[in-house]
Every structure is written in structure tokens, then in C-alpha cells.
Amino acid sequence: MPDDIELPWGSDTSLLEEENLDEEHIRTYLDECIEHWRASDADFAEYYVDAFQSTRMSMLGEQLPEED
């Protein structure tokens, strides 16, 4: 991954390096994205949550549950 890419929510971009593309790193990355957008008050945040949840379901077979 290029060094000049910075994710707006501060996620660890090393999670996306080729050698880290395993289930644990993918789960961590997707969970961080979902949690970020759940906490966001942006009008469009729910669409990002839905997209990341859909990706998580396709890749890992389950969605990240809502915290109570």
C-alpha cells in the first residue's frame, strides 16, 4: 500500500498489506471500519455500515453484532 494513503478514521493500513491478508487482519480492518461509521453522526454513515457489514458477511460469514 502506498505510504501517502491515510484512512480518515486512523485505521492501521498495515492490515491491508499483502502479507497480512488473512482472516484475522481482514476481520480487524472491517470491524474498525464498522465501529467508526457506527459512531459517526454523518447522514450517510449507515450506508457505509451496510457496505462493510455486507463485505464482512461475504468474506467471514457473519456480521459484527451491535453493542448493547
PDB file of N, CA and C in Angstrom:
ATOM      1  N   MET A   1       0.849  -1.173   0.000  1.00  0.00           N
ATOM      2  CA  MET A   1       0.000   0.000   0.000  1.00  0.00           C
ATOM      3  C   MET A   1       0.895   1.236   0.000  1.00  0.00           C
ATOM      4  N   PRO A   2       0.579   2.225  -0.816  1.00  0.00           N
ATOM      5  CA  PRO A   2       1.388   3.443  -0.859  1.00  0.00           C
ATOM      6  C   PRO A   2       1.438   4.129   0.503  1.00  0.00           C
ATOM      7  N   ASP A   3       2.574   4.746   0.814  1.00  0.00           N
ATOM      8  CA  ASP A   3       2.757   5.404   2.105  1.00  0.00           C
ATOM      9  C   ASP A   3       1.899   6.648   2.270  1.00  0.00           C
ATOM     10  N   ASP A   4       1.461   7.252   1.172  1.00  0.00           N
ATOM     11  CA  ASP A   4       0.739   8.512   1.261  1.00  0.00           C
ATOM     12  C   ASP A   4      -0.769   8.337   1.450  1.00  0.00           C
ATOM     13  N   ILE A   5      -1.235   7.114   1.597  1.00  0.00           N
ATOM     14  CA  ILE A   5      -2.663   6.886   1.822  1.00  0.00           C
ATOM     15  C   ILE A   5      -2.929   6.870   3.318  1.00  0.00           C
ATOM     16  N   GLU A   6      -3.836   7.737   3.747  1.00  0.00           N
ATOM     17  CA  GLU A   6      -4.206   7.787   5.156  1.00  0.00           C
ATOM     18  C   GLU A   6      -5.716   7.638   5.253  1.00  0.00           C
ATOM     19  N   LEU A   7      -6.161   6.671   6.016  1.00  0.00           N
ATOM     20  CA  LEU A   7      -7.590   6.471   6.191  1.00  0.00           C
ATOM     21  C   LEU A   7      -8.111   7.492   7.189  1.00  0.00           C
ATOM     22  N   PRO A   8      -9.291   8.049   6.954  1.00  0.00           N
ATOM     23  CA  PRO A   8      -9.787   9.143   7.786  1.00  0.00           C
ATOM     24  C   PRO A   8     -10.027   8.754   9.234  1.00  0.00           C
ATOM     25  N   TRP A   9     -10.221   7.481   9.518  1.00  0.00           N
ATOM     26  CA  TRP A   9     -10.513   7.068  10.890  1.00  0.00           C
ATOM     27  C   TRP A   9      -9.292   6.499  11.591  1.00  0.00           C
ATOM     28  N   GLY A  10      -8.110   6.641  10.982  1.00  0.00           N
ATOM     29  CA  GLY A  10      -6.874   6.246  11.637  1.00  0.00           C
ATOM     30  C   GLY A  10      -6.642   4.753  11.708  1.00  0.00           C
ATOM     31  N   SER A  11      -7.330   3.986  10.890  1.00  0.00           N
ATOM     32  CA  SER A  11      -7.132   2.538  10.883  1.00  0.00           C
ATOM     33  C   SER A  11      -5.701   2.221  10.484  1.00  0.00           C
ATOM     34  N   ASP A  12      -5.199   1.143  11.014  1.00  0.00           N
ATOM     35  CA  ASP A  12      -3.836   0.706  10.733  1.00  0.00           C
ATOM     36  C   ASP A  12      -3.777   0.167   9.308  1.00  0.00           C
ATOM     37  N   THR A  13      -3.163   0.917   8.398  1.00  0.00           N
ATOM     38  CA  THR A  13      -3.120   0.490   6.999  1.00  0.00           C
ATOM     39  C   THR A  13      -2.253  -0.742   6.790  1.00  0.00           C
ATOM     40  N   SER A  14      -1.421  -1.097   7.758  1.00  0.00           N
ATOM     41  CA  SER A  14      -0.626  -2.321   7.609  1.00  0.00           C
ATOM     42  C   SER A  14      -1.529  -3.545   7.564  1.00  0.00           C
ATOM     43  N   LEU A  15      -2.765  -3.393   8.029  1.00  0.00           N
ATOM     44  CA  LEU A  15      -3.725  -4.501   7.959  1.00  0.00           C
ATOM     45  C   LEU A  15      -4.020  -4.883   6.518  1.00  0.00           C
ATOM     46  N   LEU A  16      -3.770  -3.968   5.587  1.00  0.00           N
ATOM     47  CA  LEU A  16      -4.086  -4.212   4.187  1.00  0.00           C
ATOM     48  C   LEU A  16      -2.876  -4.633   3.360  1.00  0.00           C
ATOM     49  N   GLU A  17      -1.723  -4.767   3.992  1.00  0.00           N
ATOM     50  CA  GLU A  17      -0.538  -5.236   3.278  1.00  0.00           C
ATOM     51  C   GLU A  17      -0.743  -6.683   2.859  1.00  0.00           C
ATOM     52  N   GLU A  18      -0.169  -7.061   1.736  1.00  0.00           N
ATOM     53  CA  GLU A  18      -0.397  -8.395   1.170  1.00  0.00           C
ATOM     54  C   GLU A  18      -0.105  -9.513   2.162  1.00  0.00           C
ATOM     55  N   GLU A  19       0.968  -9.389   2.931  1.00  0.00           N
ATOM     56  CA  GLU A  19       1.311 -10.455   3.874  1.00  0.00           C
ATOM     57  C   GLU A  19       0.341 -10.545   5.055  1.00  0.00           C
ATOM     58  N   ASN A  20      -0.491  -9.535   5.224  1.00  0.00           N
ATOM     59  CA  ASN A  20      -1.461  -9.526   6.317  1.00  0.00           C
ATOM     60  C   ASN A  20      -2.875  -9.869   5.867  1.00  0.00           C
ATOM     61  N   LEU A  21      -3.048 -10.268   4.640  1.00  0.00           N
ATOM     62  CA  LEU A  21      -4.393 -10.554   4.148  1.00  0.00           C
ATOM     63  C   LEU A  21      -4.827 -11.956   4.573  1.00  0.00           C
ATOM     64  N   ASP A  22      -5.060 -12.076   5.862  1.00  0.00           N
ATOM     65  CA  ASP A  22      -5.596 -13.312   6.407  1.00  0.00           C
ATOM     66  C   ASP A  22      -6.882 -12.967   7.153  1.00  0.00           C
ATOM     67  N   GLU A  23      -7.589 -13.974   7.598  1.00  0.00           N
ATOM     68  CA  GLU A  23      -8.904 -13.755   8.202  1.00  0.00           C
ATOM     69  C   GLU A  23      -8.841 -12.819   9.404  1.00  0.00           C
ATOM     70  N   GLU A  24      -7.845 -12.972  10.247  1.00  0.00           N
ATOM     71  CA  GLU A  24      -7.743 -12.138  11.446  1.00  0.00           C
ATOM     72  C   GLU A  24      -7.574 -10.663  11.094  1.00  0.00           C
ATOM     73  N   HIS A  25      -6.692 -10.357  10.153  1.00  0.00           N
ATOM     74  CA  HIS A  25      -6.453  -8.965   9.775  1.00  0.00           C
ATOM     75  C   HIS A  25      -7.652  -8.371   9.029  1.00  0.00           C
ATOM     76  N   ILE A  26      -8.269  -9.160   8.183  1.00  0.00           N
ATOM     77  CA  ILE A  26      -9.461  -8.685   7.472  1.00  0.00           C
ATOM     78  C   ILE A  26     -10.578  -8.392   8.462  1.00  0.00           C
ATOM     79  N   ARG A  27     -10.791  -9.284   9.426  1.00  0.00           N
ATOM     80  CA  ARG A  27     -11.824  -9.080  10.450  1.00  0.00           C
ATOM     81  C   ARG A  27     -11.546  -7.796  11.238  1.00  0.00           C
ATOM     82  N   THR A  28     -10.302  -7.605  11.643  1.00  0.00           N
ATOM     83  CA  THR A  28      -9.937  -6.412  12.410  1.00  0.00           C
ATOM     84  C   THR A  28     -10.200  -5.150  11.603  1.00  0.00           C
ATOM     85  N   TYR A  29      -9.773  -5.141  10.353  1.00  0.00           N
ATOM     86  CA  TYR A  29      -9.975  -3.971   9.495  1.00  0.00           C
ATOM     87  C   TYR A  29     -11.463  -3.659   9.323  1.00  0.00           C
ATOM     88  N   LEU A  30     -12.249  -4.677   8.962  1.00  0.00           N
ATOM     89  CA  LEU A  30     -13.678  -4.453   8.745  1.00  0.00           C
ATOM     90  C   LEU A  30     -14.365  -4.009  10.031  1.00  0.00           C
ATOM     91  N   ASP A  31     -14.017  -4.616  11.155  1.00  0.00           N
ATOM     92  CA  ASP A  31     -14.626  -4.245  12.431  1.00  0.00           C
ATOM     93  C   ASP A  31     -14.309  -2.802  12.801  1.00  0.00           C
ATOM     94  N   GLU A  32     -13.071  -2.364  12.564  1.00  0.00           N
ATOM     95  CA  GLU A  32     -12.710  -0.973  12.836  1.00  0.00           C
ATOM     96  C   GLU A  32     -13.511  -0.020  11.955  1.00  0.00           C
ATOM     97  N   CYS A  33     -13.684  -0.379  10.699  1.00  0.00           N
ATOM     98  CA  CYS A  33     -14.468   0.460   9.786  1.00  0.00           C
ATOM     99  C   CYS A  33     -15.922   0.536  10.234  1.00  0.00           C
ATOM    100  N   ILE A  34     -16.499  -0.597  10.571  1.00  0.00           N
ATOM    101  CA  ILE A  34     -17.898  -0.638  11.009  1.00  0.00           C
ATOM    102  C   ILE A  34     -18.076   0.177  12.284  1.00  0.00           C
ATOM    103  N   GLU A  35     -17.187  -0.010  13.245  1.00  0.00           N
ATOM    104  CA  GLU A  35     -17.294   0.728  14.508  1.00  0.00           C
ATOM    105  C   GLU A  35     -17.128   2.228  14.290  1.00  0.00           C
ATOM    106  N   HIS A  36     -16.230   2.601  13.393  1.00  0.00           N
ATOM    107  CA  HIS A  36     -16.051   4.023  13.092  1.00  0.00           C
ATOM    108  C   HIS A  36     -17.344   4.629  12.561  1.00  0.00           C
ATOM    109  N   TRP A  37     -17.943   3.986  11.559  1.00  0.00           N
ATOM    110  CA  TRP A  37     -19.135   4.550  10.936  1.00  0.00           C
ATOM    111  C   TRP A  37     -20.348   4.458  11.843  1.00  0.00           C
ATOM    112  N   ARG A  38     -20.404   3.467  12.718  1.00  0.00           N
ATOM    113  CA  ARG A  38     -21.498   3.415  13.696  1.00  0.00           C
ATOM    114  C   ARG A  38     -21.436   4.614  14.640  1.00  0.00           C
ATOM    115  N   ALA A  39     -20.247   5.046  14.979  1.00  0.00           N
ATOM    116  CA  ALA A  39     -20.068   6.168  15.900  1.00  0.00           C
ATOM    117  C   ALA A  39     -20.218   7.523  15.207  1.00  0.00           C
ATOM    118  N   SER A  40     -20.218   7.529  13.890  1.00  0.00           N
ATOM    119  CA  SER A  40     -20.295   8.771  13.130  1.00  0.00           C
ATOM    120  C   SER A  40     -21.720   9.319  13.129  1.00  0.00           C
ATOM    121  N   ASP A  41     -21.809  10.644  13.125  1.00  0.00           N
ATOM    122  CA  ASP A  41     -23.135  11.261  13.025  1.00  0.00           C
ATOM    123  C   ASP A  41     -23.424  11.751  11.605  1.00  0.00           C
ATOM    124  N   ALA A  42     -22.589  11.356  10.663  1.00  0.00           N
ATOM    125  CA  ALA A  42     -22.802  11.740   9.266  1.00  0.00           C
ATOM    126  C   ALA A  42     -24.086  11.102   8.738  1.00  0.00           C
ATOM    127  N   ASP A  43     -24.801  11.846   7.917  1.00  0.00           N
ATOM    128  CA  ASP A  43     -26.067  11.358   7.365  1.00  0.00           C
ATOM    129  C   ASP A  43     -25.905  10.066   6.570  1.00  0.00           C
ATOM    130  N   PHE A  44     -24.769   9.901   5.941  1.00  0.00           N
ATOM    131  CA  PHE A  44     -24.541   8.752   5.063  1.00  0.00           C
ATOM    132  C   PHE A  44     -23.857   7.584   5.774  1.00  0.00           C
ATOM    133  N   ALA A  45     -23.588   7.696   7.058  1.00  0.00           N
ATOM    134  CA  ALA A  45     -22.828   6.673   7.793  1.00  0.00           C
ATOM    135  C   ALA A  45     -23.483   5.302   7.715  1.00  0.00           C
ATOM    136  N   GLU A  46     -24.804   5.256   7.768  1.00  0.00           N
ATOM    137  CA  GLU A  46     -25.491   3.958   7.747  1.00  0.00           C
ATOM    138  C   GLU A  46     -25.200   3.184   6.461  1.00  0.00           C
ATOM    139  N   TYR A  47     -24.961   3.899   5.363  1.00  0.00           N
ATOM    140  CA  TYR A  47     -24.668   3.226   4.097  1.00  0.00           C
ATOM    141  C   TYR A  47     -23.284   2.572   4.133  1.00  0.00           C
ATOM    142  N   TYR A  48     -22.338   3.242   4.783  1.00  0.00           N
ATOM    143  CA  TYR A  48     -21.012   2.646   4.949  1.00  0.00           C
ATOM    144  C   TYR A  48     -21.081   1.435   5.870  1.00  0.00           C
ATOM    145  N   VAL A  49     -21.844   1.538   6.946  1.00  0.00           N
ATOM    146  CA  VAL A  49     -22.015   0.387   7.844  1.00  0.00           C
ATOM    147  C   VAL A  49     -22.589  -0.784   7.063  1.00  0.00           C
ATOM    148  N   ASP A  50     -23.627  -0.532   6.281  1.00  0.00           N
ATOM    149  CA  ASP A  50     -24.242  -1.602   5.481  1.00  0.00           C
ATOM    150  C   ASP A  50     -23.240  -2.218   4.505  1.00  0.00           C
ATOM    151  N   ALA A  51     -22.442  -1.379   3.856  1.00  0.00           N
ATOM    152  CA  ALA A  51     -21.470  -1.887   2.879  1.00  0.00           C
ATOM    153  C   ALA A  51     -20.393  -2.738   3.549  1.00  0.00           C
ATOM    154  N   PHE A  52     -19.856  -2.259   4.662  1.00  0.00           N
ATOM    155  CA  PHE A  52     -18.827  -3.031   5.361  1.00  0.00           C
ATOM    156  C   PHE A  52     -19.412  -4.297   5.983  1.00  0.00           C
ATOM    157  N   GLN A  53     -20.650  -4.225   6.475  1.00  0.00           N
ATOM    158  CA  GLN A  53     -21.296  -5.423   7.024  1.00  0.00           C
ATOM    159  C   GLN A  53     -21.522  -6.454   5.914  1.00  0.00           C
ATOM    160  N   SER A  54     -21.922  -6.007   4.749  1.00  0.00           N
ATOM    161  CA  SER A  54     -22.130  -6.911   3.623  1.00  0.00           C
ATOM    162  C   SER A  54     -20.821  -7.591   3.227  1.00  0.00           C
ATOM    163  N   THR A  55     -19.748  -6.809   3.191  1.00  0.00           N
ATOM    164  CA  THR A  55     -18.431  -7.367   2.881  1.00  0.00           C
ATOM    165  C   THR A  55     -18.023  -8.373   3.944  1.00  0.00           C
ATOM    166  N   ARG A  56     -18.262  -8.033   5.207  1.00  0.00           N
ATOM    167  CA  ARG A  56     -17.906  -8.939   6.312  1.00  0.00           C
ATOM    168  C   ARG A  56     -18.700 -10.238   6.212  1.00  0.00           C
ATOM    169  N   MET A  57     -19.967 -10.145   5.881  1.00  0.00           N
ATOM    170  CA  MET A  57     -20.805 -11.338   5.736  1.00  0.00           C
ATOM    171  C   MET A  57     -20.299 -12.207   4.586  1.00  0.00           C
ATOM    172  N   SER A  58     -19.962 -11.578   3.469  1.00  0.00           N
ATOM    173  CA  SER A  58     -19.476 -12.334   2.310  1.00  0.00           C
ATOM    174  C   SER A  58     -18.144 -13.019   2.589  1.00  0.00           C
ATOM    175  N   MET A  59     -17.263 -12.331   3.283  1.00  0.00           N
ATOM    176  CA  MET A  59     -15.917 -12.867   3.492  1.00  0.00           C
ATOM    177  C   MET A  59     -15.792 -13.752   4.727  1.00  0.00           C
ATOM    178  N   LEU A  60     -16.547 -13.425   5.786  1.00  0.00           N
ATOM    179  CA  LEU A  60     -16.360 -14.105   7.065  1.00  0.00           C
ATOM    180  C   LEU A  60     -17.583 -14.887   7.526  1.00  0.00           C
ATOM    181  N   GLY A  61     -18.702 -14.721   6.833  1.00  0.00           N
ATOM    182  CA  GLY A  61     -19.895 -15.490   7.149  1.00  0.00           C
ATOM    183  C   GLY A  61     -20.721 -14.980   8.307  1.00  0.00           C
ATOM    184  N   GLU A  62     -20.414 -13.783   8.800  1.00  0.00           N
ATOM    185  CA  GLU A  62     -21.199 -13.210   9.899  1.00  0.00           C
ATOM    186  C   GLU A  62     -21.022 -11.699   9.929  1.00  0.00           C
ATOM    187  N   GLN A  63     -22.015 -11.034  10.510  1.00  0.00           N
ATOM    188  CA  GLN A  63     -21.940  -9.592  10.675  1.00  0.00           C
ATOM    189  C   GLN A  63     -21.418  -9.268  12.069  1.00  0.00           C
ATOM    190  N   LEU A  64     -20.904  -8.058  12.221  1.00  0.00           N
ATOM    191  CA  LEU A  64     -20.475  -7.586  13.529  1.00  0.00           C
ATOM    192  C   LEU A  64     -21.726  -7.205  14.311  1.00  0.00           C
ATOM    193  N   PRO A  65     -21.966  -7.845  15.469  1.00  0.00           N
ATOM    194  CA  PRO A  65     -23.172  -7.522  16.234  1.00  0.00           C
ATOM    195  C   PRO A  65     -23.127  -6.095  16.794  1.00  0.00           C
ATOM    196  N   GLU A  66     -24.294  -5.541  17.007  1.00  0.00           N
ATOM    197  CA  GLU A  66     -24.407  -4.235  17.662  1.00  0.00           C
ATOM    198  C   GLU A  66     -24.042  -4.411  19.128  1.00  0.00           C
ATOM    199  N   GLU A  67     -23.314  -3.428  19.683  1.00  0.00           N
ATOM    200  CA  GLU A  67     -23.026  -3.465  21.116  1.00  0.00           C
ATOM    201  C   GLU A  67     -24.235  -2.929  21.856  1.00  0.00           C
ATOM    202  N   ASP A  68     -24.515  -3.530  22.992  1.00  0.00           N
ATOM    203  CA  ASP A  68     -25.670  -3.083  23.804  1.00  0.00           C
ATOM    204  C   ASP A  68     -25.324  -1.904  24.656  1.00  0.00           C
TER     205      ASP A  68
END
